[in-house]
Amino acid sequence: MPRPRLAAGLALAAVVAGLLLASPDAVIERAAWVAADPVRLVVVVSALALVRPLLAWPTTLLALVVGYGLGPVGVPFALALIVLTSVPPFLFARRYRGTTRLAEVGERTVEQTGSVRGVAASRLLPIPSDVVSVAAGVANVRLGAFALGTAVGELPWAVAGVIAGASVETLTTESLAAAVRPEFVVLAAVAGVSMLVPTAYRRYRGESGA
């Protein structure tokens, strides 16, 4: 293996190991160093996206760091990272879902709401990202529909995180809290519920008719 490639691999391994031992506070404290080099930013944040599910960190942290380093133009990259970091728990839950009562209920719910709409609406609700990913896996949602629904539902959170990161000169732990303001959470939740109301109404009418 060429030395540059070996060095890059070792550097990436070191970054991942460091992230595993770090906390969100430690990542934020090193944001200036990460953002100083675009290549370093891409490598570190991509590694963070891969290990984030193991640490149960908020996905908004990814958008925050991307916004701090790249500014508003980083929204597509941040959204791609959020989708990427949601896939491992989804695949794990789908692989080991079994034939439980919960899986049956999940499948029926997906049939009624639609895979993309159900995932997107769930992402808008104030529910931990990994909980939604696991629920979608248990419900046997297709990967394509899961990715699309995640992209749609996480878009507002990605934009909020990037804007919050781009609007500060020095990234702090308070920036993470400021990225998700209470009024924004309420608006997103209303949007998510609104997406599910037509399906719930049709189901109610069907049961009433029966």
C-alpha atoms as a PDB file:
ATOM      1  CA  MET A   1       0.000   0.000   0.000  1.00  0.00           C
ATOM      2  CA  PRO A   2       1.450   3.426  -0.899  1.00  0.00           C
ATOM      3  CA  ARG A   3       2.600   5.464   2.053  1.00  0.00           C
ATOM      4  CA  PRO A   4       0.192   8.409   1.453  1.00  0.00           C
ATOM      5  CA  ARG A   5      -2.770   6.043   1.386  1.00  0.00           C
ATOM      6  CA  LEU A   6      -1.569   4.288   4.514  1.00  0.00           C
ATOM      7  CA  ALA A   7      -1.108   7.613   6.264  1.00  0.00           C
ATOM      8  CA  ALA A   8      -4.591   8.714   5.247  1.00  0.00           C
ATOM      9  CA  GLY A   9      -6.055   5.458   6.540  1.00  0.00           C
ATOM     10  CA  LEU A  10      -4.257   5.783   9.851  1.00  0.00           C
ATOM     11  CA  ALA A  11      -5.347   9.402  10.165  1.00  0.00           C
ATOM     12  CA  LEU A  12      -8.969   8.433   9.557  1.00  0.00           C
ATOM     13  CA  ALA A  13      -8.706   5.609  12.098  1.00  0.00           C
ATOM     14  CA  ALA A  14      -7.272   8.043  14.618  1.00  0.00           C
ATOM     15  CA  VAL A  15     -10.119  10.473  13.981  1.00  0.00           C
ATOM     16  CA  VAL A  16     -12.722   7.750  14.476  1.00  0.00           C
ATOM     17  CA  ALA A  17     -11.036   6.530  17.665  1.00  0.00           C
ATOM     18  CA  GLY A  18     -10.907  10.084  18.962  1.00  0.00           C
ATOM     19  CA  LEU A  19     -14.553  10.618  18.236  1.00  0.00           C
ATOM     20  CA  LEU A  20     -15.482   7.412  20.036  1.00  0.00           C
ATOM     21  CA  LEU A  21     -13.765   8.707  23.168  1.00  0.00           C
ATOM     22  CA  ALA A  22     -15.019  12.240  22.841  1.00  0.00           C
ATOM     23  CA  SER A  23     -18.246  13.962  23.760  1.00  0.00           C
ATOM     24  CA  PRO A  24     -20.226  16.461  21.676  1.00  0.00           C
ATOM     25  CA  ASP A  25     -18.587  19.185  23.756  1.00  0.00           C
ATOM     26  CA  ALA A  26     -15.133  17.975  22.726  1.00  0.00           C
ATOM     27  CA  VAL A  27     -16.144  17.899  19.064  1.00  0.00           C
ATOM     28  CA  ILE A  28     -17.516  21.433  19.251  1.00  0.00           C
ATOM     29  CA  GLU A  29     -14.377  22.668  20.994  1.00  0.00           C
ATOM     30  CA  ARG A  30     -12.290  21.368  18.069  1.00  0.00           C
ATOM     31  CA  ALA A  31     -14.632  22.793  15.430  1.00  0.00           C
ATOM     32  CA  ALA A  32     -12.258  25.629  14.551  1.00  0.00           C
ATOM     33  CA  TRP A  33      -9.447  23.161  13.838  1.00  0.00           C
ATOM     34  CA  VAL A  34     -11.758  20.954  11.782  1.00  0.00           C
ATOM     35  CA  ALA A  35     -13.203  23.865   9.785  1.00  0.00           C
ATOM     36  CA  ALA A  36      -9.785  25.341   8.978  1.00  0.00           C
ATOM     37  CA  ASP A  37      -9.266  22.841   6.130  1.00  0.00           C
ATOM     38  CA  PRO A  38     -12.162  21.821   3.826  1.00  0.00           C
ATOM     39  CA  VAL A  39     -10.660  18.365   3.222  1.00  0.00           C
ATOM     40  CA  ARG A  40     -10.212  17.832   6.941  1.00  0.00           C
ATOM     41  CA  LEU A  41     -13.779  18.980   7.506  1.00  0.00           C
ATOM     42  CA  VAL A  42     -15.174  16.452   5.024  1.00  0.00           C
ATOM     43  CA  VAL A  43     -13.120  13.587   6.475  1.00  0.00           C
ATOM     44  CA  VAL A  44     -13.841  14.327  10.122  1.00  0.00           C
ATOM     45  CA  VAL A  45     -17.545  15.040   9.742  1.00  0.00           C
ATOM     46  CA  SER A  46     -18.017  11.961   7.524  1.00  0.00           C
ATOM     47  CA  ALA A  47     -16.289   9.837  10.182  1.00  0.00           C
ATOM     48  CA  LEU A  48     -18.488  11.459  12.811  1.00  0.00           C
ATOM     49  CA  ALA A  49     -21.573  10.543  10.774  1.00  0.00           C
ATOM     50  CA  LEU A  50     -20.513   6.889  10.722  1.00  0.00           C
ATOM     51  CA  VAL A  51     -19.907   6.579  14.466  1.00  0.00           C
ATOM     52  CA  ARG A  52     -22.656   8.939  15.658  1.00  0.00           C
ATOM     53  CA  PRO A  53     -25.324   6.198  16.073  1.00  0.00           C
ATOM     54  CA  LEU A  54     -23.026   4.358  18.501  1.00  0.00           C
ATOM     55  CA  LEU A  55     -22.787   7.471  20.647  1.00  0.00           C
ATOM     56  CA  ALA A  56     -26.446   8.552  20.372  1.00  0.00           C
ATOM     57  CA  TRP A  57     -25.434  12.124  19.562  1.00  0.00           C
ATOM     58  CA  PRO A  58     -27.996  14.437  17.915  1.00  0.00           C
ATOM     59  CA  THR A  59     -27.836  14.565  14.118  1.00  0.00           C
ATOM     60  CA  THR A  60     -28.022  18.365  14.345  1.00  0.00           C
ATOM     61  CA  LEU A  61     -24.405  18.294  15.526  1.00  0.00           C
ATOM     62  CA  LEU A  62     -23.349  17.295  12.003  1.00  0.00           C
ATOM     63  CA  ALA A  63     -25.216  20.206  10.416  1.00  0.00           C
ATOM     64  CA  LEU A  64     -23.846  22.595  13.024  1.00  0.00           C
ATOM     65  CA  VAL A  65     -20.212  21.744  12.285  1.00  0.00           C
ATOM     66  CA  VAL A  66     -20.800  21.766   8.517  1.00  0.00           C
ATOM     67  CA  GLY A  67     -22.445  25.181   8.731  1.00  0.00           C
ATOM     68  CA  TYR A  68     -19.593  26.515  10.823  1.00  0.00           C
ATOM     69  CA  GLY A  69     -17.047  25.346   8.266  1.00  0.00           C
ATOM     70  CA  LEU A  70     -18.830  25.787   4.940  1.00  0.00           C
ATOM     71  CA  GLY A  71     -21.619  28.249   5.626  1.00  0.00           C
ATOM     72  CA  PRO A  72     -25.128  28.029   4.076  1.00  0.00           C
ATOM     73  CA  VAL A  73     -23.785  26.278   0.960  1.00  0.00           C
ATOM     74  CA  GLY A  74     -23.144  23.258   3.182  1.00  0.00           C
ATOM     75  CA  VAL A  75     -26.865  22.399   3.519  1.00  0.00           C
ATOM     76  CA  PRO A  76     -26.824  19.623   0.859  1.00  0.00           C
ATOM     77  CA  PHE A  77     -23.704  18.075   2.396  1.00  0.00           C
ATOM     78  CA  ALA A  78     -25.170  18.270   5.898  1.00  0.00           C
ATOM     79  CA  LEU A  79     -28.414  16.682   4.722  1.00  0.00           C
ATOM     80  CA  ALA A  80     -26.508  13.874   2.992  1.00  0.00           C
ATOM     81  CA  LEU A  81     -24.595  13.209   6.217  1.00  0.00           C
ATOM     82  CA  ILE A  82     -27.808  13.100   8.241  1.00  0.00           C
ATOM     83  CA  VAL A  83     -29.288  10.552   5.831  1.00  0.00           C
ATOM     84  CA  LEU A  84     -26.061   8.541   5.933  1.00  0.00           C
ATOM     85  CA  THR A  85     -25.875   8.475   9.723  1.00  0.00           C
ATOM     86  CA  SER A  86     -29.495   7.275   9.916  1.00  0.00           C
ATOM     87  CA  VAL A  87     -28.914   4.203   7.755  1.00  0.00           C
ATOM     88  CA  PRO A  88     -26.911   1.930  10.153  1.00  0.00           C
ATOM     89  CA  PRO A  89     -29.559   1.753  12.914  1.00  0.00           C
ATOM     90  CA  PHE A  90     -32.254   1.342  10.251  1.00  0.00           C
ATOM     91  CA  LEU A  91     -30.464  -1.600   8.598  1.00  0.00           C
ATOM     92  CA  PHE A  92     -29.710  -3.187  11.957  1.00  0.00           C
ATOM     93  CA  ALA A  93     -33.358  -3.029  13.035  1.00  0.00           C
ATOM     94  CA  ARG A  94     -34.539  -4.306   9.662  1.00  0.00           C
ATOM     95  CA  ARG A  95     -32.092  -7.204   9.773  1.00  0.00           C
ATOM     96  CA  TYR A  96     -33.124  -8.372  13.232  1.00  0.00           C
ATOM     97  CA  ARG A  97     -36.781  -7.315  13.225  1.00  0.00           C
ATOM     98  CA  GLY A  98     -38.167 -10.831  13.440  1.00  0.00           C
ATOM     99  CA  THR A  99     -41.907 -11.544  13.275  1.00  0.00           C
ATOM    100  CA  THR A 100     -43.077  -9.709  16.347  1.00  0.00           C
ATOM    101  CA  ARG A 101     -46.365  -7.989  17.060  1.00  0.00           C
ATOM    102  CA  LEU A 102     -44.574  -4.656  16.886  1.00  0.00           C
ATOM    103  CA  ALA A 103     -43.292  -5.462  13.393  1.00  0.00           C
ATOM    104  CA  GLU A 104     -46.807  -6.331  12.221  1.00  0.00           C
ATOM    105  CA  VAL A 105     -48.221  -3.086  13.603  1.00  0.00           C
ATOM    106  CA  GLY A 106     -45.407  -1.148  11.974  1.00  0.00           C
ATOM    107  CA  GLU A 107     -46.028  -2.731   8.587  1.00  0.00           C
ATOM    108  CA  ARG A 108     -49.757  -1.944   8.745  1.00  0.00           C
ATOM    109  CA  THR A 109     -49.018   1.632   9.711  1.00  0.00           C
ATOM    110  CA  VAL A 110     -46.629   2.026   6.792  1.00  0.00           C
ATOM    111  CA  GLU A 111     -49.227   0.578   4.419  1.00  0.00           C
ATOM    112  CA  GLN A 112     -51.760   3.167   5.575  1.00  0.00           C
ATOM    113  CA  THR A 113     -49.513   6.232   5.658  1.00  0.00           C
ATOM    114  CA  GLY A 114     -47.083   5.377   2.878  1.00  0.00           C
ATOM    115  CA  SER A 115     -43.401   4.699   3.505  1.00  0.00           C
ATOM    116  CA  VAL A 116     -42.001   8.068   2.425  1.00  0.00           C
ATOM    117  CA  ARG A 117     -44.736  10.118   4.078  1.00  0.00           C
ATOM    118  CA  GLY A 118     -44.591   8.126   7.299  1.00  0.00           C
ATOM    119  CA  VAL A 119     -40.820   8.467   7.646  1.00  0.00           C
ATOM    120  CA  ALA A 120     -40.837  12.156   6.682  1.00  0.00           C
ATOM    121  CA  ALA A 121     -43.616  12.974   9.156  1.00  0.00           C
ATOM    122  CA  SER A 122     -41.852  11.070  11.931  1.00  0.00           C
ATOM    123  CA  ARG A 123     -38.652  13.020  11.260  1.00  0.00           C
ATOM    124  CA  LEU A 124     -40.499  16.297  11.729  1.00  0.00           C
ATOM    125  CA  LEU A 125     -41.838  15.255  15.113  1.00  0.00           C
ATOM    126  CA  PRO A 126     -39.673  15.889  18.209  1.00  0.00           C
ATOM    127  CA  ILE A 127     -38.579  12.255  18.364  1.00  0.00           C
ATOM    128  CA  PRO A 128     -34.926  11.138  18.601  1.00  0.00           C
ATOM    129  CA  SER A 129     -33.579  10.407  15.138  1.00  0.00           C
ATOM    130  CA  ASP A 130     -32.376   6.900  15.961  1.00  0.00           C
ATOM    131  CA  VAL A 131     -35.769   5.943  17.378  1.00  0.00           C
ATOM    132  CA  VAL A 132     -37.375   6.819  14.043  1.00  0.00           C
ATOM    133  CA  SER A 133     -34.675   4.899  12.154  1.00  0.00           C
ATOM    134  CA  VAL A 134     -35.188   1.770  14.262  1.00  0.00           C
ATOM    135  CA  ALA A 135     -38.980   2.025  13.978  1.00  0.00           C
ATOM    136  CA  ALA A 136     -38.724   2.278  10.181  1.00  0.00           C
ATOM    137  CA  GLY A 137     -36.450  -0.762  10.123  1.00  0.00           C
ATOM    138  CA  VAL A 138     -38.822  -2.778  12.286  1.00  0.00           C
ATOM    139  CA  ALA A 139     -41.674  -1.761   9.951  1.00  0.00           C
ATOM    140  CA  ASN A 140     -39.647  -3.176   7.017  1.00  0.00           C
ATOM    141  CA  VAL A 141     -39.575   0.089   5.071  1.00  0.00           C
ATOM    142  CA  ARG A 142     -37.553  -0.131   1.858  1.00  0.00           C
ATOM    143  CA  LEU A 143     -34.150   1.522   1.948  1.00  0.00           C
ATOM    144  CA  GLY A 144     -34.936   3.908  -0.915  1.00  0.00           C
ATOM    145  CA  ALA A 145     -38.172   5.074   0.686  1.00  0.00           C
ATOM    146  CA  PHE A 146     -36.437   5.412   4.038  1.00  0.00           C
ATOM    147  CA  ALA A 147     -33.650   7.543   2.574  1.00  0.00           C
ATOM    148  CA  LEU A 148     -36.075   9.781   0.691  1.00  0.00           C
ATOM    149  CA  GLY A 149     -38.392  10.198   3.663  1.00  0.00           C
ATOM    150  CA  THR A 150     -35.432  10.949   5.908  1.00  0.00           C
ATOM    151  CA  ALA A 151     -34.133  13.589   3.486  1.00  0.00           C
ATOM    152  CA  VAL A 152     -37.530  15.297   3.328  1.00  0.00           C
ATOM    153  CA  GLY A 153     -38.182  15.199   7.056  1.00  0.00           C
ATOM    154  CA  GLU A 154     -34.670  16.135   8.128  1.00  0.00           C
ATOM    155  CA  LEU A 155     -34.300  19.032   5.681  1.00  0.00           C
ATOM    156  CA  PRO A 156     -35.649  21.682   8.122  1.00  0.00           C
ATOM    157  CA  TRP A 157     -33.353  20.398  10.890  1.00  0.00           C
ATOM    158  CA  ALA A 158     -30.369  20.398   8.524  1.00  0.00           C
ATOM    159  CA  VAL A 159     -31.090  23.976   7.456  1.00  0.00           C
ATOM    160  CA  ALA A 160     -31.517  25.091  11.081  1.00  0.00           C
ATOM    161  CA  GLY A 161     -28.257  23.475  12.126  1.00  0.00           C
ATOM    162  CA  VAL A 162     -26.251  24.866   9.208  1.00  0.00           C
ATOM    163  CA  ILE A 163     -27.611  28.380   9.690  1.00  0.00           C
ATOM    164  CA  ALA A 164     -26.879  28.221  13.419  1.00  0.00           C
ATOM    165  CA  GLY A 165     -23.318  27.086  12.730  1.00  0.00           C
ATOM    166  CA  ALA A 166     -22.757  29.697  10.026  1.00  0.00           C
ATOM    167  CA  SER A 167     -24.080  32.550  12.151  1.00  0.00           C
ATOM    168  CA  VAL A 168     -21.517  32.333  14.943  1.00  0.00           C
ATOM    169  CA  GLU A 169     -17.857  33.310  15.017  1.00  0.00           C
ATOM    170  CA  THR A 170     -16.975  30.715  17.650  1.00  0.00           C
ATOM    171  CA  LEU A 171     -18.860  27.444  17.977  1.00  0.00           C
ATOM    172  CA  THR A 172     -19.939  26.606  21.538  1.00  0.00           C
ATOM    173  CA  THR A 173     -22.177  24.093  23.255  1.00  0.00           C
ATOM    174  CA  GLU A 174     -24.847  26.778  23.418  1.00  0.00           C
ATOM    175  CA  SER A 175     -24.874  26.824  19.610  1.00  0.00           C
ATOM    176  CA  LEU A 176     -26.258  23.294  19.565  1.00  0.00           C
ATOM    177  CA  ALA A 177     -29.187  24.308  21.761  1.00  0.00           C
ATOM    178  CA  ALA A 178     -29.762  27.459  19.710  1.00  0.00           C
ATOM    179  CA  ALA A 179     -30.001  25.416  16.508  1.00  0.00           C
ATOM    180  CA  VAL A 180     -33.298  23.926  17.660  1.00  0.00           C
ATOM    181  CA  ARG A 181     -35.443  26.665  19.153  1.00  0.00           C
ATOM    182  CA  PRO A 182     -38.761  25.769  20.858  1.00  0.00           C
ATOM    183  CA  GLU A 183     -40.895  27.634  18.317  1.00  0.00           C
ATOM    184  CA  PHE A 184     -39.153  25.810  15.477  1.00  0.00           C
ATOM    185  CA  VAL A 185     -39.815  22.461  17.158  1.00  0.00           C
ATOM    186  CA  VAL A 186     -43.513  23.334  17.485  1.00  0.00           C
ATOM    187  CA  LEU A 187     -43.797  24.349  13.821  1.00  0.00           C
ATOM    188  CA  ALA A 188     -42.040  21.186  12.667  1.00  0.00           C
ATOM    189  CA  ALA A 189     -44.278  19.035  14.862  1.00  0.00           C
ATOM    190  CA  VAL A 190     -47.391  20.713  13.450  1.00  0.00           C
ATOM    191  CA  ALA A 191     -46.126  20.034   9.935  1.00  0.00           C
ATOM    192  CA  GLY A 192     -45.471  16.399  10.790  1.00  0.00           C
ATOM    193  CA  VAL A 193     -48.896  15.889  12.324  1.00  0.00           C
ATOM    194  CA  SER A 194     -50.508  17.613   9.333  1.00  0.00           C
ATOM    195  CA  MET A 195     -48.910  15.058   7.035  1.00  0.00           C
ATOM    196  CA  LEU A 196     -50.533  12.242   9.003  1.00  0.00           C
ATOM    197  CA  VAL A 197     -53.980  13.783   9.475  1.00  0.00           C
ATOM    198  CA  PRO A 198     -55.413  12.800   6.026  1.00  0.00           C
ATOM    199  CA  THR A 199     -54.429   9.169   6.549  1.00  0.00           C
ATOM    200  CA  ALA A 200     -55.859   9.098  10.053  1.00  0.00           C
ATOM    201  CA  TYR A 201     -59.077  10.667   8.803  1.00  0.00           C
ATOM    202  CA  ARG A 202     -59.459   8.136   5.985  1.00  0.00           C
ATOM    203  CA  ARG A 203     -58.883   5.330   8.453  1.00  0.00           C
ATOM    204  CA  TYR A 204     -61.481   6.787  10.802  1.00  0.00           C
ATOM    205  CA  ARG A 205     -64.012   7.112   7.986  1.00  0.00           C
ATOM    206  CA  GLY A 206     -63.318   3.546   6.899  1.00  0.00           C
ATOM    207  CA  GLU A 207     -63.839   2.176  10.407  1.00  0.00           C
ATOM    208  CA  SER A 208     -66.989   4.277  10.840  1.00  0.00           C
ATOM    209  CA  GLY A 209     -68.367   2.990   7.562  1.00  0.00           C
ATOM    210  CA  ALA A 210     -67.612  -0.580   8.506  1.00  0.00           C
END
